[in-house]
Amino acid sequence: MSNHRFDVVFIDFFGTIADGDRCQVEATCRRIVRDYDLSLPAPEFAVRWGKRFFAVSDQSNHDQFKTLYEIECVSLRQTMNELGVECDPIPYADELQRYWRNPSLHADAKDALAALAVPVCCVSNADEVDLQTAISAHALRFDGLVSSERARSYKPDAGIFQYAMKMMDVSPERCVHVGDSLHSDILGAQELGITGVWIERDGRISDIGDSKPDFTIKSLSELELFLG
């Protein structure tokens, strides 16, 4: 991989730095399937809920903004309604929120972040308190931090990236965004002229994106070499 020099690194949090929520989502979905005696298996339910979640989040920016917690509740209720079932989403959203506030980290994350010689801004589709709590739990430090709640925008919407660029005083061609979602991270970055680096993590439930990343890495430890 050729070396590329950028002034700022934007990086996703959940799924990229922290482990993805697949295990927790599937555990929550198993509980829902059991609680409501649904006929479809939990993994299938998880994909259906995930597609509904992305549909709601893509329409929850700016004046229509909803928190991630609210999106979980709305999308779960819609998913269950499609199955002809009335559901109280609060207990299941609470279960997911507990995970968001204390996720485990990928093994390559801390050392890779510490090795970077350029400013790093975490740009995450997350509620502010959840993200701050998760970062504090692992004693991570970033030069900038942008949650979707703060920017009132969810990747791939341009607003969250524009907020981050203004915070870090950087132009699109001088920054790179690293993330594990082709839909949220790569599509959103590339539409603004930001270089999109996809980290190909195992274990995603699904990804509705099909964007072609500018570069692909297998581990965050590759970032130091990539940035030169």
Protein backbone atom coordinates (compact mmCIF):
# COMPACT_ATOMS: atom_id res chain seq x y z
CA MET A 1 0.00 0.00 0.00
CA SER A 2 1.38 3.41 -0.94
CA ASN A 3 1.90 6.00 1.76
CA HIS A 4 -0.59 8.88 1.81
CA ARG A 5 -0.23 11.99 3.91
CA PHE A 6 -3.31 13.59 5.44
CA ASP A 7 -3.71 16.34 8.01
CA VAL A 8 -6.51 14.67 10.00
CA VAL A 9 -7.92 11.17 10.43
CA PHE A 10 -11.66 10.77 11.00
CA ILE A 11 -12.53 7.38 12.46
CA ASP A 12 -15.73 5.54 13.27
CA PHE A 13 -16.16 4.09 16.76
CA PHE A 14 -18.65 1.20 16.96
CA GLY A 15 -17.50 -1.68 14.79
CA THR A 16 -14.21 0.01 13.94
CA ILE A 17 -12.57 0.80 17.29
CA ALA A 18 -15.05 -0.99 19.54
CA ASP A 19 -16.41 -4.42 18.74
CA GLY A 20 -19.54 -4.38 16.65
CA ASP A 21 -22.81 -5.01 18.43
CA ARG A 22 -23.65 -8.21 16.56
CA CYS A 23 -23.53 -10.46 19.63
CA GLN A 24 -25.65 -8.08 21.67
CA VAL A 25 -28.12 -7.43 18.86
CA GLU A 26 -28.57 -11.15 18.24
CA ALA A 27 -28.99 -11.80 21.97
CA THR A 28 -31.64 -9.06 22.13
CA CYS A 29 -33.33 -10.47 19.04
CA ARG A 30 -33.39 -13.95 20.55
CA ARG A 31 -35.11 -12.44 23.57
CA ILE A 32 -37.69 -10.69 21.38
CA VAL A 33 -38.36 -13.86 19.36
CA ARG A 34 -38.81 -15.78 22.60
CA ASP A 35 -40.89 -13.11 24.38
CA TYR A 36 -43.32 -12.73 21.47
CA ASP A 37 -43.18 -16.31 20.18
CA LEU A 38 -42.21 -15.21 16.68
CA SER A 39 -41.97 -17.80 13.92
CA LEU A 40 -38.78 -16.48 12.27
CA PRO A 41 -35.27 -17.18 13.62
CA ALA A 42 -33.42 -14.48 15.53
CA PRO A 43 -30.74 -13.84 12.85
CA GLU A 44 -33.43 -13.23 10.24
CA PHE A 45 -35.26 -10.93 12.62
CA ALA A 46 -32.01 -9.04 13.26
CA VAL A 47 -31.53 -8.37 9.54
CA ARG A 48 -35.13 -7.20 9.14
CA TRP A 49 -34.81 -4.89 12.11
CA GLY A 50 -31.45 -3.64 10.82
CA LYS A 51 -32.85 -2.68 7.43
CA ARG A 52 -35.71 -0.84 9.12
CA PHE A 53 -33.20 0.85 11.45
CA PHE A 54 -31.13 2.17 8.52
CA ALA A 55 -34.28 3.39 6.77
CA VAL A 56 -35.32 5.40 9.83
CA SER A 57 -31.85 6.75 10.58
CA ASP A 58 -31.38 7.92 6.99
CA GLN A 59 -34.48 10.08 7.46
CA SER A 60 -33.61 11.37 10.95
CA ASN A 61 -31.22 14.21 10.16
CA HIS A 62 -31.31 17.94 10.88
CA ASP A 63 -34.88 19.17 11.56
CA GLN A 64 -36.13 15.55 11.63
CA PHE A 65 -33.41 14.42 14.02
CA LYS A 66 -34.04 11.53 16.39
CA THR A 67 -31.54 10.11 18.85
CA LEU A 68 -30.16 6.66 18.20
CA TYR A 69 -32.15 5.37 21.16
CA GLU A 70 -35.34 6.78 19.63
CA ILE A 71 -34.48 5.24 16.26
CA GLU A 72 -34.02 1.84 17.89
CA CYS A 73 -37.47 2.15 19.46
CA VAL A 74 -39.20 3.42 16.32
CA SER A 75 -37.57 0.85 14.02
CA LEU A 76 -38.28 -2.05 16.38
CA ARG A 77 -41.91 -1.05 16.71
CA GLN A 78 -42.20 -0.82 12.91
CA THR A 79 -40.51 -4.19 12.42
CA MET A 80 -42.87 -5.84 14.86
CA ASN A 81 -45.90 -4.12 13.32
CA GLU A 82 -44.91 -5.61 9.96
CA LEU A 83 -45.21 -9.00 11.66
CA GLY A 84 -48.60 -8.08 13.09
CA VAL A 85 -47.33 -7.77 16.66
CA GLU A 86 -47.58 -4.87 19.12
CA CYS A 87 -44.34 -4.39 21.04
CA ASP A 88 -42.99 -2.25 23.85
CA PRO A 89 -39.49 -1.44 22.53
CA ILE A 90 -38.12 0.19 25.70
CA PRO A 91 -36.72 -2.91 27.48
CA TYR A 92 -34.87 -3.99 24.32
CA ALA A 93 -33.53 -0.51 23.53
CA ASP A 94 -32.33 -0.27 27.14
CA GLU A 95 -30.50 -3.58 26.73
CA LEU A 96 -28.70 -2.28 23.64
CA GLN A 97 -27.89 1.02 25.29
CA ARG A 98 -26.13 -0.76 28.14
CA TYR A 99 -23.88 -2.37 25.54
CA TRP A 100 -23.21 0.93 23.74
CA ARG A 101 -21.98 2.44 26.99
CA ASN A 102 -19.46 -0.30 27.74
CA PRO A 103 -18.44 -2.18 24.58
CA SER A 104 -15.27 -4.22 24.32
CA LEU A 105 -12.52 -2.90 22.06
CA HIS A 106 -10.97 -4.59 19.05
CA ALA A 107 -7.57 -5.92 20.02
CA ASP A 108 -5.79 -3.70 17.48
CA ALA A 109 -7.45 -0.44 18.50
CA LYS A 110 -5.46 1.10 21.36
CA ASP A 111 -1.99 0.51 19.98
CA ALA A 112 -3.02 1.63 16.49
CA LEU A 113 -4.51 4.89 17.75
CA ALA A 114 -1.48 5.59 19.93
CA ALA A 115 0.84 5.14 16.94
CA LEU A 116 -0.81 7.77 14.75
CA ALA A 117 1.15 11.01 14.41
CA VAL A 118 -1.73 13.10 13.03
CA PRO A 119 -4.82 14.44 14.84
CA VAL A 120 -7.65 11.92 15.13
CA CYS A 121 -11.32 12.85 15.31
CA CYS A 122 -13.86 10.19 16.25
CA VAL A 123 -16.98 10.54 14.07
CA SER A 124 -19.69 8.20 15.27
CA ASN A 125 -23.36 7.45 14.71
CA ALA A 126 -24.10 7.49 18.42
CA ASP A 127 -25.85 9.39 21.17
CA GLU A 128 -23.54 11.80 22.97
CA VAL A 129 -23.69 10.33 26.47
CA ASP A 130 -23.36 6.76 25.20
CA LEU A 131 -20.28 7.62 23.14
CA GLN A 132 -18.63 9.69 25.87
CA THR A 133 -19.27 6.94 28.41
CA ALA A 134 -17.82 4.22 26.16
CA ILE A 135 -14.71 6.26 25.41
CA SER A 136 -14.18 7.07 29.08
CA ALA A 137 -14.62 3.42 30.04
CA HIS A 138 -11.56 2.56 27.95
CA ALA A 139 -9.56 5.72 28.72
CA LEU A 140 -9.34 6.66 25.05
CA ARG A 141 -8.42 10.16 23.95
CA PHE A 142 -9.19 11.87 20.67
CA ASP A 143 -8.30 15.29 19.30
CA GLY A 144 -11.93 15.75 18.31
CA LEU A 145 -15.20 13.96 18.95
CA VAL A 146 -18.39 14.23 16.91
CA SER A 147 -21.50 12.21 17.73
CA SER A 148 -24.52 12.15 15.48
CA GLU A 149 -26.50 13.69 18.32
CA ARG A 150 -24.11 16.64 18.51
CA ALA A 151 -24.14 17.18 14.74
CA ARG A 152 -27.84 16.24 14.38
CA SER A 153 -26.79 14.09 11.48
CA TYR A 154 -26.13 10.40 10.82
CA LYS A 155 -23.54 9.06 8.42
CA PRO A 156 -23.82 8.91 5.41
CA ASP A 157 -25.51 12.32 5.62
CA ALA A 158 -23.05 15.11 4.83
CA GLY A 159 -23.84 17.10 7.96
CA ILE A 160 -21.84 15.01 10.42
CA PHE A 161 -18.73 15.10 8.20
CA GLN A 162 -19.09 18.83 7.63
CA TYR A 163 -19.36 19.35 11.38
CA ALA A 164 -16.18 17.34 11.89
CA MET A 165 -14.28 19.21 9.16
CA LYS A 166 -15.25 22.55 10.68
CA MET A 167 -14.23 21.38 14.17
CA MET A 168 -10.85 20.15 12.93
CA ASP A 169 -10.36 23.00 10.42
CA VAL A 170 -9.59 20.65 7.55
CA SER A 171 -10.68 20.44 3.91
CA PRO A 172 -12.06 17.22 2.38
CA GLU A 173 -8.96 16.43 0.35
CA ARG A 174 -6.75 16.69 3.45
CA CYS A 175 -8.62 14.17 5.60
CA VAL A 176 -9.38 10.49 5.51
CA HIS A 177 -12.28 8.63 7.11
CA VAL A 178 -11.89 5.08 8.42
CA GLY A 179 -14.90 2.92 9.13
CA ASP A 180 -16.42 -0.55 8.85
CA SER A 181 -19.65 0.33 7.02
CA LEU A 182 -19.74 0.73 3.24
CA HIS A 183 -23.09 2.51 3.60
CA SER A 184 -22.52 4.84 6.52
CA ASP A 185 -18.76 5.45 6.44
CA ILE A 186 -17.52 5.01 2.89
CA LEU A 187 -20.52 6.41 1.01
CA GLY A 188 -20.80 9.42 3.30
CA ALA A 189 -17.10 10.29 3.15
CA GLN A 190 -16.68 9.84 -0.58
CA GLU A 191 -19.69 11.98 -1.45
CA LEU A 192 -17.83 14.92 0.10
CA GLY A 193 -14.48 14.14 -1.48
CA ILE A 194 -13.02 12.59 1.69
CA THR A 195 -10.86 9.52 1.13
CA GLY A 196 -12.75 6.48 2.40
CA VAL A 197 -10.79 3.67 4.04
CA TRP A 198 -12.87 0.59 4.77
CA ILE A 199 -11.75 -1.71 7.55
CA GLU A 200 -13.03 -5.13 6.63
CA ARG A 201 -14.15 -6.41 10.01
CA ASP A 202 -15.66 -9.85 10.41
CA GLY A 203 -18.97 -10.26 12.13
CA ARG A 204 -21.22 -7.50 10.79
CA ILE A 205 -24.87 -8.58 10.76
CA SER A 206 -25.43 -6.86 7.43
CA ASP A 207 -24.35 -3.79 5.49
CA ILE A 208 -26.78 -2.24 3.05
CA GLY A 209 -23.99 -0.36 1.27
CA ASP A 210 -22.18 -1.29 -1.93
CA SER A 211 -19.79 1.65 -2.28
CA LYS A 212 -16.27 0.88 -3.43
CA PRO A 213 -13.76 2.15 -0.85
CA ASP A 214 -10.67 4.06 -1.91
CA PHE A 215 -8.60 1.67 0.20
CA THR A 216 -9.31 -1.45 2.24
CA ILE A 217 -7.48 -2.54 5.37
CA LYS A 218 -7.84 -5.63 7.53
CA SER A 219 -6.57 -4.13 10.79
CA LEU A 220 -6.17 -0.69 12.33
CA SER A 221 -2.50 -1.51 12.72
CA GLU A 222 -2.21 -0.87 8.95
CA LEU A 223 -3.15 2.80 9.39
CA GLU A 224 0.29 3.99 10.47
CA LEU A 225 1.85 2.62 7.28
CA PHE A 226 -1.02 3.93 5.15
CA LEU A 227 -0.64 7.46 6.50
CA GLY A 228 3.13 7.46 6.09
